Amino acid sequence: MLKKIVLISVLSISYTFAMSASMVQQSPKSKLGCIKGVGVKRLNAIISYRENDTIDTLDELLNIKGIGKAILRNIKNDVQKKSCLVGDKKVVEEPKKEVVKKKRKAISAE
């Protein structure tokens, strides 16, 4: 019983973070520009495609030149990159690195 509950909760959480076709249809440029593999050209291609056609399924994005299975997988899984496109400018978001200092043992020469 516990295994079923854990499995259902994991699946629902992973589904929550996945991007849907309606999210691609309605997302602003800044959100789509943060997806790994989506640069200026692909971003503009997605925007012009959704202006002309309604995106009902994510597989329809394969009709756009430059979007293949790998980028489609990144869109489905909402894989973010380190630097995002806001408009036509790149905004770099560097992850904060934690500095860990290790204590050195004193060696005594006797």
Foldseek 3Di string as FASTA:
>chain_A
DVVVVVVVVVVVVQQVQFDWQVCLLPPDLQLVQFQPQQADVNSVQSVVVSVVDRRPGLVVSCVGPRDDDVSSVSNGSVHGDQWGQDPNDIDGHDDDDDDDDDDDDDDDDD
